[in-house]
Amino acid sequence: MDDATRIELEAAAFRALRHHLMEKRPEVQNIDLMNLAGFCRNCLSRWYQEAANERGLTMTKDEAREIFYGMPYDDWRAAQQTEASPEKQQAFEKAFRENVGEKR
């Protein structure tokens, strides 16, 4: 497989993952994704931002989130995010440290 085809397939897989998380399963909470899988929608938007920045494209965290979420992040949170239990929040702190690092 040539590099261009591989990149196209990887991009298609990313778009399918984004569509699944945003359209098919928006009720799945980011905190649950992070606690179970070690990443969430915010991680995906951060990876998008980091890829842009590595290529010399200036992109802020908020800009990357709006691209990924298709709307300002605060709008997504208001529409989709529910209150997390103290147990989930504690698990999140651990998962975040292990998978992302210290809070920024």
Protein backbone atom coordinates (compact mmCIF):
# COMPACT_ATOMS: atom_id res chain seq x y z
CA MET A 1 0.00 0.00 0.00
CA ASP A 2 1.39 3.41 -0.91
CA ASP A 3 1.61 6.22 1.63
CA ALA A 4 -1.14 8.33 0.03
CA THR A 5 -3.62 5.45 0.21
CA ARG A 6 -2.63 4.66 3.80
CA ILE A 7 -3.14 8.31 4.79
CA GLU A 8 -6.55 8.39 3.06
CA LEU A 9 -7.61 5.24 4.93
CA GLU A 10 -6.38 6.59 8.25
CA ALA A 11 -8.28 9.85 7.65
CA ALA A 12 -11.42 7.89 6.77
CA ALA A 13 -11.09 5.86 9.97
CA PHE A 14 -10.71 9.07 12.01
CA ARG A 15 -13.80 10.56 10.36
CA ALA A 16 -15.74 7.37 11.11
CA LEU A 17 -14.65 7.46 14.77
CA ARG A 18 -15.62 11.12 15.05
CA HIS A 19 -19.01 10.44 13.42
CA HIS A 20 -19.61 7.51 15.76
CA LEU A 21 -18.80 9.53 18.88
CA MET A 22 -20.61 12.69 17.80
CA GLU A 23 -23.62 11.42 15.85
CA LYS A 24 -24.29 7.82 16.81
CA ARG A 25 -23.26 7.88 20.48
CA PRO A 26 -23.27 11.47 21.76
CA GLU A 27 -24.70 10.24 25.07
CA VAL A 28 -21.44 8.49 25.90
CA GLN A 29 -19.75 10.82 28.34
CA ASN A 30 -16.16 11.97 27.87
CA ILE A 31 -15.40 11.03 31.48
CA ASP A 32 -16.53 7.45 30.79
CA LEU A 33 -14.38 7.27 27.65
CA MET A 34 -11.35 8.55 29.56
CA ASN A 35 -11.94 6.25 32.51
CA LEU A 36 -12.39 3.16 30.32
CA ALA A 37 -10.20 3.82 27.30
CA GLY A 38 -7.71 6.47 28.40
CA PHE A 39 -8.86 9.01 25.81
CA CYS A 40 -11.95 11.05 25.01
CA ARG A 41 -13.28 13.53 22.47
CA ASN A 42 -11.11 16.25 23.98
CA CYS A 43 -8.02 14.09 23.45
CA LEU A 44 -8.97 13.61 19.82
CA SER A 45 -9.36 17.36 19.36
CA ARG A 46 -6.01 17.92 21.13
CA TRP A 47 -4.29 15.42 18.84
CA TYR A 48 -5.82 17.28 15.89
CA GLN A 49 -4.46 20.56 17.26
CA GLU A 50 -1.02 19.06 17.88
CA ALA A 51 -0.91 17.68 14.31
CA ALA A 52 -1.82 21.12 12.95
CA ASN A 53 0.78 22.85 15.11
CA GLU A 54 3.47 20.33 14.07
CA ARG A 55 2.78 21.31 10.47
CA GLY A 56 3.16 25.02 11.21
CA LEU A 57 -0.58 25.75 11.38
CA THR A 58 -1.52 27.87 14.37
CA MET A 59 -4.53 26.37 16.11
CA THR A 60 -5.73 26.92 19.66
CA LYS A 61 -7.33 24.32 21.88
CA ASP A 62 -10.69 26.06 21.51
CA GLU A 63 -10.38 26.16 17.71
CA ALA A 64 -9.52 22.46 17.57
CA ARG A 65 -12.42 21.59 19.84
CA GLU A 66 -14.85 23.59 17.72
CA ILE A 67 -13.63 21.77 14.61
CA PHE A 68 -13.98 18.37 16.28
CA TYR A 69 -17.28 19.03 18.06
CA GLY A 70 -18.76 20.99 15.17
CA MET A 71 -19.73 23.74 17.60
CA PRO A 72 -18.19 25.64 20.51
CA TYR A 73 -17.24 23.20 23.27
CA ASP A 74 -19.41 24.99 25.85
CA ASP A 75 -22.44 24.44 23.60
CA TRP A 76 -21.64 20.72 23.38
CA ARG A 77 -21.20 20.48 27.13
CA ALA A 78 -24.53 22.22 27.76
CA ALA A 79 -26.34 19.89 25.38
CA GLN A 80 -24.63 16.56 26.12
CA GLN A 81 -22.60 16.50 29.32
CA THR A 82 -24.12 15.24 32.54
CA GLU A 83 -22.88 15.64 36.10
CA ALA A 84 -20.29 13.03 37.03
CA SER A 85 -20.33 11.26 40.36
CA PRO A 86 -17.45 11.84 42.79
CA GLU A 87 -16.28 8.27 42.05
CA LYS A 88 -16.15 8.95 38.31
CA GLN A 89 -14.33 12.24 38.92
CA GLN A 90 -11.75 10.49 41.08
CA ALA A 91 -11.25 7.77 38.44
CA PHE A 92 -10.92 10.50 35.81
CA GLU A 93 -8.14 12.25 37.74
CA LYS A 94 -6.19 8.98 37.78
CA ALA A 95 -6.90 8.18 34.12
CA PHE A 96 -5.97 11.71 33.05
CA ARG A 97 -2.64 11.59 34.90
CA GLU A 98 -1.82 8.16 33.47
CA ASN A 99 -2.80 8.94 29.87
CA VAL A 100 -2.36 12.67 29.40
CA GLY A 101 -0.19 13.92 32.25
CA GLU A 102 -0.79 16.62 34.78
CA LYS A 103 -3.77 18.89 34.20
CA ARG A 104 -2.98 21.86 32.00
